[in-house]
Amino acid sequence: MSKPNPASCVLFLDGYLGRTMKTPRDKSYGSSLTAALKDPVEAAAYIEAAMDAEDAAALLLALREVAEAHDIECELESSVLEAVNKVLHAVGLRLSVEPLEAA
């Protein structure tokens, strides 16, 4: 399994965790992010970075971005993610994301 390039994760976290931009984001950012998230290794790294933030809103956003990159329509609720996170932390566990092996 190849190592993920965390560049898209850093871009996500820089934008999400309180750093504000005074100029509108370039359209190429969205295109670049969508292209990167089509790669399962990149998508896994992106979701893992959001999970590391221990913020249900960050994870929800990451899951939505990955779904959108794959043209998947889904409705995700933050309350479900918060409940899963709370239970796992209470028992000392965490979820992990990795690409499926190619058949």
N, C-alpha and C. Protein backbone atom coordinates (compact mmCIF):
# COMPACT_ATOMS: atom_id res chain seq x y z
N MET A 1 0.85 -1.18 0.00
CA MET A 1 0.00 0.00 0.00
C MET A 1 0.90 1.24 0.00
N SER A 2 0.61 2.18 -0.86
CA SER A 2 1.43 3.39 -0.95
C SER A 2 1.06 4.37 0.16
N LYS A 3 2.03 5.17 0.51
CA LYS A 3 1.81 6.18 1.54
C LYS A 3 0.97 7.32 0.99
N PRO A 4 -0.02 7.79 1.76
CA PRO A 4 -0.83 8.90 1.27
C PRO A 4 -0.05 10.21 1.31
N ASN A 5 -0.37 11.07 0.38
CA ASN A 5 0.19 12.40 0.37
C ASN A 5 -0.78 13.28 1.17
N PRO A 6 -0.38 13.76 2.34
CA PRO A 6 -1.31 14.49 3.18
C PRO A 6 -1.57 15.93 2.76
N ALA A 7 -1.17 16.32 1.57
CA ALA A 7 -1.34 17.72 1.15
C ALA A 7 -2.79 18.15 1.21
N SER A 8 -3.70 17.32 0.72
CA SER A 8 -5.10 17.71 0.75
C SER A 8 -5.61 17.78 2.18
N CYS A 9 -5.07 16.93 3.06
CA CYS A 9 -5.47 16.96 4.46
C CYS A 9 -5.07 18.29 5.09
N VAL A 10 -3.87 18.74 4.79
CA VAL A 10 -3.39 19.99 5.35
C VAL A 10 -4.24 21.15 4.86
N LEU A 11 -4.57 21.15 3.58
CA LEU A 11 -5.41 22.21 3.04
C LEU A 11 -6.76 22.24 3.75
N PHE A 12 -7.34 21.07 3.94
CA PHE A 12 -8.62 20.97 4.63
C PHE A 12 -8.51 21.52 6.04
N LEU A 13 -7.52 21.04 6.78
CA LEU A 13 -7.41 21.44 8.17
C LEU A 13 -7.06 22.92 8.31
N ASP A 14 -6.22 23.44 7.43
CA ASP A 14 -5.90 24.87 7.48
C ASP A 14 -7.16 25.70 7.31
N GLY A 15 -8.00 25.32 6.40
CA GLY A 15 -9.23 26.06 6.16
C GLY A 15 -10.27 25.86 7.24
N TYR A 16 -10.31 24.68 7.83
CA TYR A 16 -11.38 24.37 8.77
C TYR A 16 -11.09 24.84 10.19
N LEU A 17 -9.87 24.72 10.62
CA LEU A 17 -9.57 24.93 12.03
C LEU A 17 -9.27 26.39 12.38
N GLY A 18 -10.05 27.30 11.83
CA GLY A 18 -10.02 28.67 12.31
C GLY A 18 -9.17 29.65 11.54
N ARG A 19 -8.44 29.23 10.57
CA ARG A 19 -7.67 30.18 9.78
C ARG A 19 -8.60 30.76 8.72
N THR A 20 -8.66 32.07 8.65
CA THR A 20 -9.57 32.69 7.69
C THR A 20 -8.79 33.26 6.52
N MET A 21 -9.44 33.27 5.38
CA MET A 21 -8.85 33.83 4.18
C MET A 21 -9.63 35.09 3.81
N LYS A 22 -8.93 36.15 3.46
CA LYS A 22 -9.59 37.41 3.13
C LYS A 22 -10.01 37.45 1.66
N THR A 23 -9.41 36.62 0.84
CA THR A 23 -9.77 36.60 -0.57
C THR A 23 -10.57 35.32 -0.86
N PRO A 24 -11.44 35.38 -1.85
CA PRO A 24 -12.20 34.17 -2.18
C PRO A 24 -11.27 33.05 -2.62
N ARG A 25 -11.64 31.84 -2.28
CA ARG A 25 -10.84 30.68 -2.64
C ARG A 25 -10.89 30.48 -4.15
N ASP A 26 -9.75 30.19 -4.73
CA ASP A 26 -9.64 29.94 -6.16
C ASP A 26 -10.45 28.70 -6.53
N LYS A 27 -11.12 28.74 -7.67
CA LYS A 27 -11.91 27.61 -8.12
C LYS A 27 -11.06 26.37 -8.31
N SER A 28 -9.78 26.56 -8.59
CA SER A 28 -8.92 25.40 -8.81
C SER A 28 -8.72 24.59 -7.53
N TYR A 29 -8.91 25.21 -6.35
CA TYR A 29 -8.80 24.48 -5.09
C TYR A 29 -9.83 23.37 -5.05
N GLY A 30 -11.07 23.70 -5.35
CA GLY A 30 -12.14 22.71 -5.33
C GLY A 30 -11.89 21.61 -6.35
N SER A 31 -11.45 22.00 -7.52
CA SER A 31 -11.16 21.01 -8.57
C SER A 31 -10.01 20.10 -8.16
N SER A 32 -8.97 20.69 -7.58
CA SER A 32 -7.82 19.90 -7.14
C SER A 32 -8.21 18.95 -6.01
N LEU A 33 -9.00 19.44 -5.07
CA LEU A 33 -9.44 18.61 -3.96
C LEU A 33 -10.30 17.45 -4.47
N THR A 34 -11.24 17.74 -5.36
CA THR A 34 -12.10 16.70 -5.91
C THR A 34 -11.28 15.64 -6.63
N ALA A 35 -10.31 16.08 -7.42
CA ALA A 35 -9.46 15.13 -8.14
C ALA A 35 -8.65 14.27 -7.17
N ALA A 36 -8.11 14.88 -6.13
CA ALA A 36 -7.31 14.12 -5.15
C ALA A 36 -8.17 13.11 -4.40
N LEU A 37 -9.39 13.49 -4.06
CA LEU A 37 -10.25 12.62 -3.26
C LEU A 37 -10.81 11.44 -4.05
N LYS A 38 -10.62 11.43 -5.35
CA LYS A 38 -11.03 10.28 -6.16
C LYS A 38 -10.07 9.10 -5.94
N ASP A 39 -8.88 9.38 -5.48
CA ASP A 39 -7.89 8.34 -5.16
C ASP A 39 -8.20 7.81 -3.75
N PRO A 40 -8.45 6.50 -3.61
CA PRO A 40 -8.79 5.95 -2.29
C PRO A 40 -7.74 6.22 -1.21
N VAL A 41 -6.47 6.23 -1.58
CA VAL A 41 -5.41 6.50 -0.60
C VAL A 41 -5.52 7.93 -0.10
N GLU A 42 -5.72 8.87 -1.02
CA GLU A 42 -5.88 10.27 -0.65
C GLU A 42 -7.15 10.48 0.18
N ALA A 43 -8.25 9.85 -0.24
CA ALA A 43 -9.51 9.98 0.49
C ALA A 43 -9.36 9.46 1.91
N ALA A 44 -8.67 8.33 2.07
CA ALA A 44 -8.45 7.76 3.40
C ALA A 44 -7.63 8.72 4.27
N ALA A 45 -6.58 9.29 3.70
CA ALA A 45 -5.75 10.24 4.46
C ALA A 45 -6.55 11.48 4.84
N TYR A 46 -7.39 11.94 3.95
CA TYR A 46 -8.23 13.12 4.19
C TYR A 46 -9.19 12.87 5.34
N ILE A 47 -9.84 11.71 5.31
CA ILE A 47 -10.80 11.37 6.38
C ILE A 47 -10.06 11.14 7.69
N GLU A 48 -8.92 10.47 7.65
CA GLU A 48 -8.13 10.25 8.87
C GLU A 48 -7.72 11.58 9.50
N ALA A 49 -7.32 12.55 8.68
CA ALA A 49 -6.93 13.86 9.21
C ALA A 49 -8.11 14.52 9.90
N ALA A 50 -9.29 14.39 9.32
CA ALA A 50 -10.48 14.96 9.95
C ALA A 50 -10.79 14.23 11.25
N MET A 51 -10.61 12.92 11.27
CA MET A 51 -10.85 12.15 12.49
C MET A 51 -9.86 12.54 13.58
N ASP A 52 -8.63 12.82 13.20
CA ASP A 52 -7.61 13.22 14.17
C ASP A 52 -7.95 14.55 14.84
N ALA A 53 -8.74 15.38 14.16
CA ALA A 53 -9.14 16.66 14.72
C ALA A 53 -10.15 16.48 15.87
N GLU A 54 -10.71 15.27 15.98
CA GLU A 54 -11.69 14.94 17.02
C GLU A 54 -12.82 15.97 17.04
N ASP A 55 -13.29 16.29 15.86
CA ASP A 55 -14.38 17.25 15.70
C ASP A 55 -15.37 16.64 14.72
N ALA A 56 -16.58 16.37 15.19
CA ALA A 56 -17.60 15.73 14.35
C ALA A 56 -17.90 16.56 13.11
N ALA A 57 -17.88 17.88 13.23
CA ALA A 57 -18.17 18.74 12.07
C ALA A 57 -17.08 18.59 11.01
N ALA A 58 -15.83 18.47 11.43
CA ALA A 58 -14.73 18.29 10.48
C ALA A 58 -14.86 16.95 9.77
N LEU A 59 -15.21 15.90 10.52
CA LEU A 59 -15.38 14.59 9.92
C LEU A 59 -16.56 14.58 8.96
N LEU A 60 -17.63 15.21 9.35
CA LEU A 60 -18.81 15.29 8.50
C LEU A 60 -18.48 16.00 7.19
N LEU A 61 -17.76 17.10 7.26
CA LEU A 61 -17.36 17.83 6.06
C LEU A 61 -16.46 16.97 5.18
N ALA A 62 -15.50 16.27 5.77
CA ALA A 62 -14.60 15.42 4.99
C ALA A 62 -15.37 14.31 4.30
N LEU A 63 -16.31 13.67 4.99
CA LEU A 63 -17.10 12.61 4.39
C LEU A 63 -17.96 13.15 3.24
N ARG A 64 -18.51 14.33 3.42
CA ARG A 64 -19.30 14.94 2.35
C ARG A 64 -18.44 15.26 1.13
N GLU A 65 -17.23 15.77 1.36
CA GLU A 65 -16.32 16.09 0.26
C GLU A 65 -15.93 14.83 -0.51
N VAL A 66 -15.65 13.74 0.20
CA VAL A 66 -15.28 12.49 -0.45
C VAL A 66 -16.48 11.95 -1.24
N ALA A 67 -17.66 11.98 -0.64
CA ALA A 67 -18.87 11.52 -1.33
C ALA A 67 -19.10 12.33 -2.59
N GLU A 68 -18.95 13.63 -2.49
CA GLU A 68 -19.15 14.50 -3.66
C GLU A 68 -18.13 14.20 -4.75
N ALA A 69 -16.89 13.93 -4.37
CA ALA A 69 -15.84 13.61 -5.36
C ALA A 69 -16.18 12.33 -6.13
N HIS A 70 -16.94 11.45 -5.50
CA HIS A 70 -17.31 10.17 -6.13
C HIS A 70 -18.75 10.19 -6.65
N ASP A 71 -19.33 11.38 -6.73
CA ASP A 71 -20.70 11.54 -7.21
C ASP A 71 -21.70 10.68 -6.44
N ILE A 72 -21.51 10.62 -5.13
CA ILE A 72 -22.41 9.87 -4.26
C ILE A 72 -23.27 10.87 -3.50
N GLU A 73 -24.57 10.68 -3.58
CA GLU A 73 -25.47 11.54 -2.81
C GLU A 73 -25.80 10.83 -1.51
N CYS A 74 -25.53 11.48 -0.40
CA CYS A 74 -25.87 10.88 0.89
C CYS A 74 -26.14 11.99 1.89
N GLU A 75 -26.96 11.67 2.84
CA GLU A 75 -27.25 12.60 3.93
C GLU A 75 -26.61 12.05 5.19
N LEU A 76 -25.66 12.79 5.70
CA LEU A 76 -24.97 12.38 6.92
C LEU A 76 -25.40 13.30 8.06
N GLU A 77 -25.61 12.72 9.21
CA GLU A 77 -26.01 13.51 10.37
C GLU A 77 -24.88 13.57 11.38
N SER A 78 -24.60 14.75 11.87
CA SER A 78 -23.51 14.92 12.82
C SER A 78 -23.80 14.22 14.14
N SER A 79 -25.08 14.10 14.51
CA SER A 79 -25.41 13.46 15.78
C SER A 79 -24.95 12.00 15.81
N VAL A 80 -25.05 11.32 14.68
CA VAL A 80 -24.61 9.92 14.61
C VAL A 80 -23.09 9.86 14.79
N LEU A 81 -22.37 10.74 14.10
CA LEU A 81 -20.92 10.75 14.21
C LEU A 81 -20.48 11.09 15.63
N GLU A 82 -21.16 12.04 16.24
CA GLU A 82 -20.82 12.42 17.62
C GLU A 82 -21.06 11.26 18.57
N ALA A 83 -22.14 10.52 18.39
CA ALA A 83 -22.45 9.37 19.25
C ALA A 83 -21.40 8.27 19.09
N VAL A 84 -21.04 7.96 17.85
CA VAL A 84 -20.01 6.95 17.62
C VAL A 84 -18.70 7.38 18.25
N ASN A 85 -18.31 8.62 18.05
CA ASN A 85 -17.08 9.14 18.61
C ASN A 85 -17.09 9.07 20.14
N LYS A 86 -18.19 9.44 20.75
CA LYS A 86 -18.30 9.44 22.22
C LYS A 86 -18.14 8.03 22.78
N VAL A 87 -18.84 7.08 22.17
CA VAL A 87 -18.75 5.69 22.65
C VAL A 87 -17.34 5.14 22.48
N LEU A 88 -16.76 5.36 21.31
CA LEU A 88 -15.42 4.83 21.07
C LEU A 88 -14.39 5.43 22.02
N HIS A 89 -14.46 6.73 22.25
CA HIS A 89 -13.52 7.37 23.17
C HIS A 89 -13.72 6.86 24.60
N ALA A 90 -14.96 6.61 24.97
CA ALA A 90 -15.25 6.14 26.33
C ALA A 90 -14.59 4.79 26.62
N VAL A 91 -14.46 3.97 25.58
CA VAL A 91 -13.85 2.65 25.78
C VAL A 91 -12.41 2.58 25.24
N GLY A 92 -11.85 3.73 24.89
CA GLY A 92 -10.46 3.78 24.46
C GLY A 92 -10.20 3.28 23.05
N LEU A 93 -11.17 3.48 22.16
CA LEU A 93 -11.03 3.05 20.77
C LEU A 93 -11.18 4.22 19.82
N ARG A 94 -10.77 4.00 18.57
CA ARG A 94 -11.00 4.98 17.52
C ARG A 94 -11.17 4.24 16.20
N LEU A 95 -11.87 4.86 15.30
CA LEU A 95 -12.04 4.29 13.96
C LEU A 95 -10.80 4.57 13.14
N SER A 96 -10.62 3.77 12.12
CA SER A 96 -9.52 3.94 11.19
C SER A 96 -10.05 3.76 9.78
N VAL A 97 -9.47 4.46 8.83
CA VAL A 97 -9.91 4.38 7.44
C VAL A 97 -8.71 4.00 6.58
N GLU A 98 -8.91 3.02 5.70
CA GLU A 98 -7.87 2.65 4.76
C GLU A 98 -8.53 2.15 3.48
N PRO A 99 -7.84 2.26 2.36
CA PRO A 99 -8.42 1.80 1.10
C PRO A 99 -8.62 0.29 1.09
N LEU A 100 -9.65 -0.16 0.39
CA LEU A 100 -9.85 -1.59 0.18
C LEU A 100 -8.75 -2.09 -0.74
N GLU A 101 -8.33 -3.31 -0.56
CA GLU A 101 -7.34 -3.90 -1.45
C GLU A 101 -7.97 -4.11 -2.82
N ALA A 102 -7.21 -3.88 -3.87
CA ALA A 102 -7.71 -4.09 -5.23
C ALA A 102 -7.94 -5.58 -5.44
N ALA A 103 -9.06 -5.88 -6.10
CA ALA A 103 -9.40 -7.30 -6.33
C ALA A 103 -8.58 -7.89 -7.43
